[in-house]
Protein backbone atom coordinates (compact mmCIF):
# COMPACT_ATOMS: atom_id res chain seq x y z
CA UNK A 1 -21.44 14.27 11.46
CA UNK A 2 -24.89 14.70 13.03
CA UNK A 3 -25.51 12.68 16.18
CA UNK A 4 -28.92 11.50 17.38
CA UNK A 5 -29.13 9.27 20.45
CA UNK A 6 -31.94 7.77 22.49
CA UNK A 7 -30.72 5.97 25.61
CA UNK A 8 -32.55 4.00 28.29
CA UNK A 9 -30.93 2.14 31.15
CA UNK A 10 -31.95 0.82 34.56
CA UNK A 11 -29.44 -0.10 37.26
CA UNK A 12 -31.12 -0.89 40.55
CA UNK A 13 -33.17 2.16 41.53
CA UNK A 14 -31.47 4.41 38.98
CA UNK A 15 -33.17 4.97 35.62
CA UNK A 16 -31.63 6.84 32.70
CA UNK A 17 -33.81 8.11 29.86
CA UNK A 18 -32.10 10.61 27.57
CA UNK A 19 -32.52 11.83 24.01
CA UNK A 20 -29.89 14.13 22.55
CA UNK A 21 -28.97 15.66 19.21
CA UNK A 22 -25.69 17.25 18.17
CA UNK A 23 -25.27 18.76 14.68
CA UNK A 24 -22.10 18.35 12.65
CA UNK A 25 -19.44 20.62 14.11
CA UNK A 26 -21.57 21.24 17.21
CA UNK A 27 -20.62 20.88 20.87
CA UNK A 28 -23.20 19.79 23.47
CA UNK A 29 -22.36 20.24 27.16
CA UNK A 30 -24.04 17.82 29.58
CA UNK A 31 -24.34 19.22 33.10
CA UNK A 32 -25.85 17.80 36.26
CA UNK A 33 -25.13 16.92 39.89
CA UNK A 34 -23.20 13.80 40.87
CA UNK A 35 -25.22 10.66 40.15
CA UNK A 36 -27.42 12.34 37.54
CA UNK A 37 -26.27 10.01 34.75
CA UNK A 38 -23.81 12.19 32.82
CA UNK A 39 -20.92 9.73 32.61
CA UNK A 40 -23.31 6.80 32.16
CA UNK A 41 -24.77 8.47 29.07
CA UNK A 42 -21.26 9.10 27.77
CA UNK A 43 -20.36 5.46 28.36
CA UNK A 44 -23.40 4.36 26.37
CA UNK A 45 -22.35 6.56 23.45
CA UNK A 46 -18.80 5.18 23.57
CA UNK A 47 -19.96 1.58 23.71
CA UNK A 48 -18.44 1.03 27.16
CA UNK A 49 -21.82 0.71 28.90
CA UNK A 50 -24.59 -1.52 27.58
CA UNK A 51 -27.98 0.25 27.91
CA UNK A 52 -31.27 -1.59 28.02
CA UNK A 53 -32.32 0.21 24.84
CA UNK A 54 -30.34 2.45 22.53
CA UNK A 55 -30.76 4.06 19.15
CA UNK A 56 -27.57 5.96 18.28
CA UNK A 57 -27.07 7.24 14.76
CA UNK A 58 -24.14 9.29 13.51
CA UNK A 59 -24.48 10.56 9.97
CA UNK A 60 -26.60 7.54 9.13
CA UNK A 61 -24.35 4.95 10.84
CA UNK A 62 -26.11 2.97 13.58
CA UNK A 63 -23.51 3.04 16.33
CA UNK A 64 -25.62 1.01 18.74
CA UNK A 65 -25.12 -2.00 16.47
CA UNK A 66 -21.33 -1.69 16.53
CA UNK A 67 -18.74 -2.67 19.16
CA UNK A 68 -16.80 0.16 20.78
CA UNK A 69 -13.69 -0.20 18.60
CA UNK A 70 -15.72 0.19 15.38
CA UNK A 71 -17.68 3.31 16.36
CA UNK A 72 -14.98 5.85 15.44
CA UNK A 73 -15.48 7.59 18.76
CA UNK A 74 -12.73 9.48 20.59
CA UNK A 75 -12.87 9.63 24.38
CA UNK A 76 -10.97 12.08 26.58
CA UNK A 77 -11.35 11.82 30.37
CA UNK A 78 -9.90 13.86 33.23
CA UNK A 79 -7.13 11.25 33.56
CA UNK A 80 -5.04 11.35 30.34
CA UNK A 81 -4.50 7.54 30.51
CA UNK A 82 -1.31 7.75 28.47
CA UNK A 83 0.76 4.61 27.94
CA UNK A 84 3.65 5.07 30.40
CA UNK A 85 6.20 3.17 28.27
CA UNK A 86 5.60 5.27 25.12
CA UNK A 87 6.75 8.77 24.26
CA UNK A 88 4.20 11.52 23.67
CA UNK A 89 4.67 11.08 19.93
CA UNK A 90 4.05 7.34 20.05
CA UNK A 91 1.09 7.77 22.38
CA UNK A 92 -0.55 9.98 19.78
CA UNK A 93 0.54 7.71 16.92
CA UNK A 94 -1.25 4.81 18.60
CA UNK A 95 -4.62 6.18 17.48
CA UNK A 96 -3.97 6.17 13.70
CA UNK A 97 -1.98 2.92 14.04
CA UNK A 98 -5.02 1.25 15.59
CA UNK A 99 -6.97 2.23 12.47
CA UNK A 100 -4.47 0.56 10.17
CA UNK A 101 -2.09 3.40 9.29
CA UNK A 102 1.54 2.53 8.66
CA UNK A 103 4.10 3.37 11.33
CA UNK A 104 5.54 6.27 9.34
CA UNK A 105 2.13 7.69 8.45
CA UNK A 106 0.95 7.36 12.06
CA UNK A 107 4.03 9.16 13.41
CA UNK A 108 3.63 11.91 10.82
CA UNK A 109 -0.01 12.40 11.85
CA UNK A 110 1.02 12.38 15.50
CA UNK A 111 3.57 15.10 14.85
CA UNK A 112 0.96 17.27 13.16
CA UNK A 113 -1.49 16.87 16.04
CA UNK A 114 1.15 17.55 18.69
CA UNK A 115 1.92 20.79 16.87
CA UNK A 116 -1.79 21.57 16.69
CA UNK A 117 -2.09 21.32 20.49
CA UNK A 118 1.19 23.17 21.14
CA UNK A 119 2.90 20.03 22.45
CA UNK A 120 5.53 19.38 19.77
CA UNK A 121 8.33 20.45 22.14
CA UNK A 122 7.88 17.39 24.32
CA UNK A 123 7.16 14.78 21.63
CA UNK A 124 10.07 12.66 22.84
CA UNK A 125 9.10 12.69 26.53
CA UNK A 126 7.38 9.84 28.31
CA UNK A 127 4.33 10.61 30.51
CA UNK A 128 6.35 10.56 33.74
CA UNK A 129 8.19 13.66 32.52
CA UNK A 130 5.04 15.60 31.60
CA UNK A 131 3.09 18.01 33.79
CA UNK A 132 -0.65 17.51 34.18
CA UNK A 133 -1.43 20.15 31.55
CA UNK A 134 1.16 18.76 29.13
CA UNK A 135 -0.15 15.21 29.52
CA UNK A 136 -3.71 16.37 28.86
CA UNK A 137 -2.58 18.16 25.70
CA UNK A 138 -1.06 14.88 24.48
CA UNK A 139 -4.32 13.10 25.36
CA UNK A 140 -6.26 15.66 23.29
CA UNK A 141 -3.93 15.07 20.35
CA UNK A 142 -4.33 11.30 20.67
CA UNK A 143 -8.12 11.56 20.79
CA UNK A 144 -8.16 13.68 17.63
CA UNK A 145 -5.43 11.81 15.74
CA UNK A 146 -7.81 8.89 15.30
CA UNK A 147 -10.05 11.21 13.26
CA UNK A 148 -13.17 10.35 15.26
CA UNK A 149 -16.61 11.16 13.95
CA UNK A 150 -17.75 11.70 17.55
CA UNK A 151 -15.62 13.17 20.34
CA UNK A 152 -16.60 12.53 23.96
CA UNK A 153 -15.05 14.69 26.70
CA UNK A 154 -15.58 13.55 30.29
CA UNK A 155 -14.51 16.35 32.68
CA UNK A 156 -11.26 16.92 30.70
CA UNK A 157 -10.20 19.93 32.81
CA UNK A 158 -11.27 18.71 36.25
CA UNK A 159 -7.85 17.40 37.33
CA UNK A 160 -5.84 20.40 36.11
CA UNK A 161 -4.58 23.21 38.30
CA UNK A 162 -5.86 26.76 37.96
CA UNK A 163 -2.94 27.77 35.73
CA UNK A 164 -3.22 24.88 33.25
CA UNK A 165 -7.02 24.75 32.89
CA UNK A 166 -7.55 28.11 31.09
CA UNK A 167 -4.87 27.31 28.50
CA UNK A 168 -6.32 23.88 27.74
CA UNK A 169 -9.83 25.34 27.62
CA UNK A 170 -8.65 27.81 24.98
CA UNK A 171 -6.97 24.98 23.10
CA UNK A 172 -10.13 22.87 23.11
CA UNK A 173 -12.18 25.81 21.91
CA UNK A 174 -9.86 26.18 18.94
CA UNK A 175 -9.65 22.51 17.92
CA UNK A 176 -13.34 21.74 18.50
CA UNK A 177 -14.37 24.46 16.08
CA UNK A 178 -12.55 22.71 13.25
CA UNK A 179 -13.96 19.85 11.22
CA UNK A 180 -17.37 18.27 11.05
CA UNK A 181 -17.27 16.01 14.10
CA UNK A 182 -19.94 16.12 16.79
CA UNK A 183 -18.74 16.63 20.38
CA UNK A 184 -20.38 15.81 23.72
CA UNK A 185 -18.79 17.40 26.79
CA UNK A 186 -19.56 16.33 30.37
CA UNK A 187 -18.59 19.01 32.89
CA UNK A 188 -19.43 20.55 36.26
CA UNK A 189 -17.93 23.91 35.31
CA UNK A 190 -20.16 26.53 33.67
CA UNK A 191 -17.03 28.17 32.24
CA UNK A 192 -16.40 25.00 30.19
CA UNK A 193 -19.95 25.10 28.89
CA UNK A 194 -19.82 28.81 28.06
CA UNK A 195 -16.42 28.61 26.39
CA UNK A 196 -16.85 25.37 24.47
CA UNK A 197 -20.49 24.41 23.94
CA UNK A 198 -23.20 25.66 21.61
CA UNK A 199 -25.96 23.94 23.57
CA UNK A 200 -26.44 22.63 27.10
CA UNK A 201 -28.40 19.68 28.43
CA UNK A 202 -28.95 19.41 32.20
CA UNK A 203 -29.60 16.00 33.78
CA UNK A 204 -31.15 15.23 37.14
CA UNK A 205 -31.77 11.66 38.32
CA UNK A 206 -31.38 10.33 34.80
CA UNK A 207 -33.82 12.77 33.18
CA UNK A 208 -33.36 15.92 31.12
CA UNK A 209 -34.57 18.90 33.15
CA UNK A 210 -33.23 21.74 31.01
CA UNK A 211 -31.85 22.12 27.52
CA UNK A 212 -31.18 24.84 24.98
CA UNK A 213 -28.52 27.28 23.79
CA UNK A 214 -25.79 27.56 26.41
CA UNK A 215 -26.11 31.24 27.20
CA UNK A 216 -29.91 31.06 27.32
CA UNK A 217 -29.92 28.18 29.81
CA UNK A 218 -27.29 29.68 32.10
CA UNK A 219 -28.83 33.16 31.95
CA UNK A 220 -32.34 31.92 32.78
CA UNK A 221 -32.03 28.66 34.78
CA UNK A 222 -35.17 26.68 35.58
CA UNK A 223 -33.75 24.36 38.27
CA UNK A 224 -31.80 25.04 41.50
CA UNK A 225 -28.76 23.08 40.29
CA UNK A 226 -28.43 25.09 37.10
CA UNK A 227 -28.91 28.35 39.00
CA UNK A 228 -26.18 27.34 41.45
CA UNK A 229 -23.59 26.56 38.80
CA UNK A 230 -24.53 29.70 36.88
CA UNK A 231 -23.91 31.71 40.03
CA UNK A 232 -27.52 32.93 40.28
CA UNK A 233 -30.21 32.87 42.95
CA UNK A 234 -33.42 30.98 42.23
CA UNK A 235 -36.71 30.95 44.14
CA UNK A 236 -39.51 28.56 43.20
CA UNK A 237 -43.24 29.20 43.32
CA UNK A 238 -46.23 30.04 41.14
CA UNK A 239 -46.29 32.81 38.55
CA UNK A 240 -48.60 35.72 39.41
CA UNK A 241 -49.17 39.04 37.68
CA UNK A 242 -46.62 40.93 39.75
CA UNK A 243 -43.98 38.21 40.09
CA UNK A 244 -43.87 34.91 41.97
CA UNK A 245 -45.92 33.53 44.86
CA UNK A 246 -43.87 31.16 47.01
CA UNK A 247 -45.15 28.05 48.77
CA UNK A 248 -45.48 29.94 52.09
CA UNK A 249 -47.56 32.68 50.43
CA UNK A 250 -44.83 35.29 50.15
CA UNK A 251 -44.68 37.48 47.05
CA UNK A 252 -41.37 37.92 45.24
CA UNK A 253 -41.98 40.90 42.98
CA UNK A 254 -40.29 40.79 39.59
CA UNK A 255 -40.59 41.12 35.83
CA UNK A 256 -42.28 38.27 33.97
CA UNK A 257 -40.41 36.66 31.08
CA UNK A 258 -42.45 36.50 27.84
CA UNK A 259 -43.05 32.75 28.26
CA UNK A 260 -44.09 32.91 31.94
CA UNK A 261 -47.81 32.17 32.37
CA UNK A 262 -49.82 33.17 35.44
CA UNK A 263 -50.91 30.22 37.56
CA UNK A 264 -48.10 27.98 36.25
CA UNK A 265 -44.96 26.86 38.14
CA UNK A 266 -42.23 29.49 37.93
CA UNK A 267 -38.81 30.52 39.19
CA UNK A 268 -37.60 33.96 40.18
CA UNK A 269 -33.97 34.46 39.14
CA UNK A 270 -31.58 37.21 40.24
CA UNK A 271 -27.84 37.71 40.77
CA UNK A 272 -26.13 37.63 44.19
CA UNK A 273 -24.95 41.18 43.46
CA UNK A 274 -28.61 42.26 43.45
CA UNK A 275 -29.09 41.23 47.10
CA UNK A 276 -28.56 43.99 49.64
CA UNK A 277 -27.89 42.97 53.25
CA UNK A 278 -28.95 45.06 56.26
CA UNK A 279 -28.91 44.57 60.02
CA UNK A 280 -31.99 42.68 61.15
CA UNK A 281 -33.33 45.67 63.07
CA UNK A 282 -33.35 47.98 60.02
CA UNK A 283 -36.74 48.97 58.66
CA UNK A 284 -37.92 48.25 55.14
CA UNK A 285 -36.08 50.33 52.49
CA UNK A 286 -38.16 52.97 50.80
CA UNK A 287 -37.69 52.00 47.13
CA UNK A 288 -39.72 49.14 45.60
CA UNK A 289 -37.94 46.07 46.93
CA UNK A 290 -38.49 42.52 48.09
CA UNK A 291 -37.50 42.22 51.74
CA UNK A 292 -37.13 39.08 53.82
CA UNK A 293 -35.54 38.10 57.12
CA UNK A 294 -32.71 35.59 56.93
CA UNK A 295 -29.88 34.01 58.90
CA UNK A 296 -26.26 33.98 57.76
CA UNK A 297 -25.11 30.47 56.90
CA UNK A 298 -21.60 30.69 55.45
CA UNK A 299 -19.16 33.33 54.26
CA UNK A 300 -16.48 32.58 51.69
CA UNK A 301 -14.16 34.53 49.36
CA UNK A 302 -15.49 34.75 45.80
CA UNK A 303 -13.06 36.68 43.65
CA UNK A 304 -12.96 40.27 44.92
CA UNK A 305 -16.12 39.91 47.04
CA UNK A 306 -17.38 37.91 50.00
CA UNK A 307 -20.22 35.55 49.08
CA UNK A 308 -22.69 35.20 51.93
CA UNK A 309 -24.93 32.13 51.75
CA UNK A 310 -28.13 32.32 53.78
CA UNK A 311 -29.67 29.73 56.05
CA UNK A 312 -33.00 29.85 57.86
CA UNK A 313 -36.53 29.28 56.63
CA UNK A 314 -38.70 30.79 53.91
CA UNK A 315 -37.62 31.85 50.44
CA UNK A 316 -34.39 33.38 51.73
CA UNK A 317 -32.91 29.98 52.59
CA UNK A 318 -29.99 29.21 50.27
CA UNK A 319 -29.81 32.68 48.73
CA UNK A 320 -26.38 34.17 48.05
CA UNK A 321 -25.40 37.82 48.46
CA UNK A 322 -22.11 39.32 47.24
CA UNK A 323 -20.62 42.00 49.48
CA UNK A 324 -17.33 43.86 49.51
CA UNK A 325 -15.03 42.80 52.38
CA UNK A 326 -15.50 46.26 53.91
CA UNK A 327 -19.29 45.94 53.86
CA UNK A 328 -19.18 42.45 55.39
CA UNK A 329 -16.89 43.70 58.14
CA UNK A 330 -19.03 46.76 58.84
CA UNK A 331 -22.11 44.56 59.21
CA UNK A 332 -20.20 42.22 61.53
CA UNK A 333 -21.48 39.20 59.63
CA UNK A 334 -20.87 35.73 61.04
CA UNK A 335 -22.68 32.39 60.88
CA UNK A 336 -26.10 32.40 62.57
CA UNK A 337 -26.31 36.21 62.59
CA UNK A 338 -29.83 37.50 61.77
CA UNK A 339 -30.03 39.89 58.80
CA UNK A 340 -32.60 41.46 56.51
CA UNK A 341 -32.27 41.03 52.75
CA UNK A 342 -33.56 43.39 50.10
CA UNK A 343 -33.80 42.80 46.35
CA UNK A 344 -35.08 45.36 43.86
CA UNK A 345 -38.01 44.03 41.86
CA UNK A 346 -36.42 45.35 38.66
CA UNK A 347 -33.48 42.94 39.12
CA UNK A 348 -35.74 39.87 39.38
CA UNK A 349 -36.96 37.96 36.33
CA UNK A 350 -39.64 35.27 36.59
CA UNK A 351 -39.36 32.34 34.17
CA UNK A 352 -41.40 29.16 33.69
CA UNK A 353 -40.13 26.35 35.88
CA UNK A 354 -39.19 22.88 34.75
CA UNK A 355 -41.99 20.43 35.56
CA UNK A 356 -41.51 16.66 35.21
């Protein structure tokens, strides 16, 4: 079921203008900061929000002309929203029943879907006796038991603990790859996008600022938000022959991507692991590197390393550097400490920047 949607909406000072396409069997992840319009766009697709203008077609059906209950859209949010008085089986059976299936047929379909999501063992439990991960599995089964042509997922893993989320992510990856339905996933987590989505669309203030294949977008972000969620550093400026010229005139040396054009807006992208940190009094390293003075902002655990986020002025502000705990201790790093950063030019790639 191929989805094409054009949505426009104004609410006070906020304006949403989005066009999206999802092929049959495809999964589109919609990313963006809070207030960017992600959930509003999802609400428009579901028929729960009335846009000022909409053209939504799904395999030739004009959804924008139909009320929500006739769109054949399944919606899964971070809150499972299960009926508390019904068992897991009857919660799932509600979806086919609402489409006219007999009680026996609906319960049979519910049983199949509970098995599909590895939840058959607690079919007879009511929601109060389910863990967060179990309840969300039942919610997934209910969303799919209605055989929707379009599945909308609004932060489905956000409320789960760190043990339950990976299992449900794996489950969603398996069930979303079956069938011909189109799926739109709203998430803040790049792991969700990488694991589940073919393509990514990034919103900012109601506008699309990046889009493309998931791995391409997260590997070469064009906006600070996307770089942040992808765990990368990003510096803005103008593309020059040897890299990027920042607004204050500094040169960030790097390798130009094939589509980066000199004189055009660009972004220099590099990993926190590529940033070396030295005491402020150290001289410039001998190998070809970008060096800049900075001030330590925050230090926080990040897996097996310490992620140091920089403050201060210039292009170093906001950069992240990953250090081993031993290295951070040896440097005596603490907030407001002056340091010198060094980044090899060979680890920096300059891409075209998004321009509105």
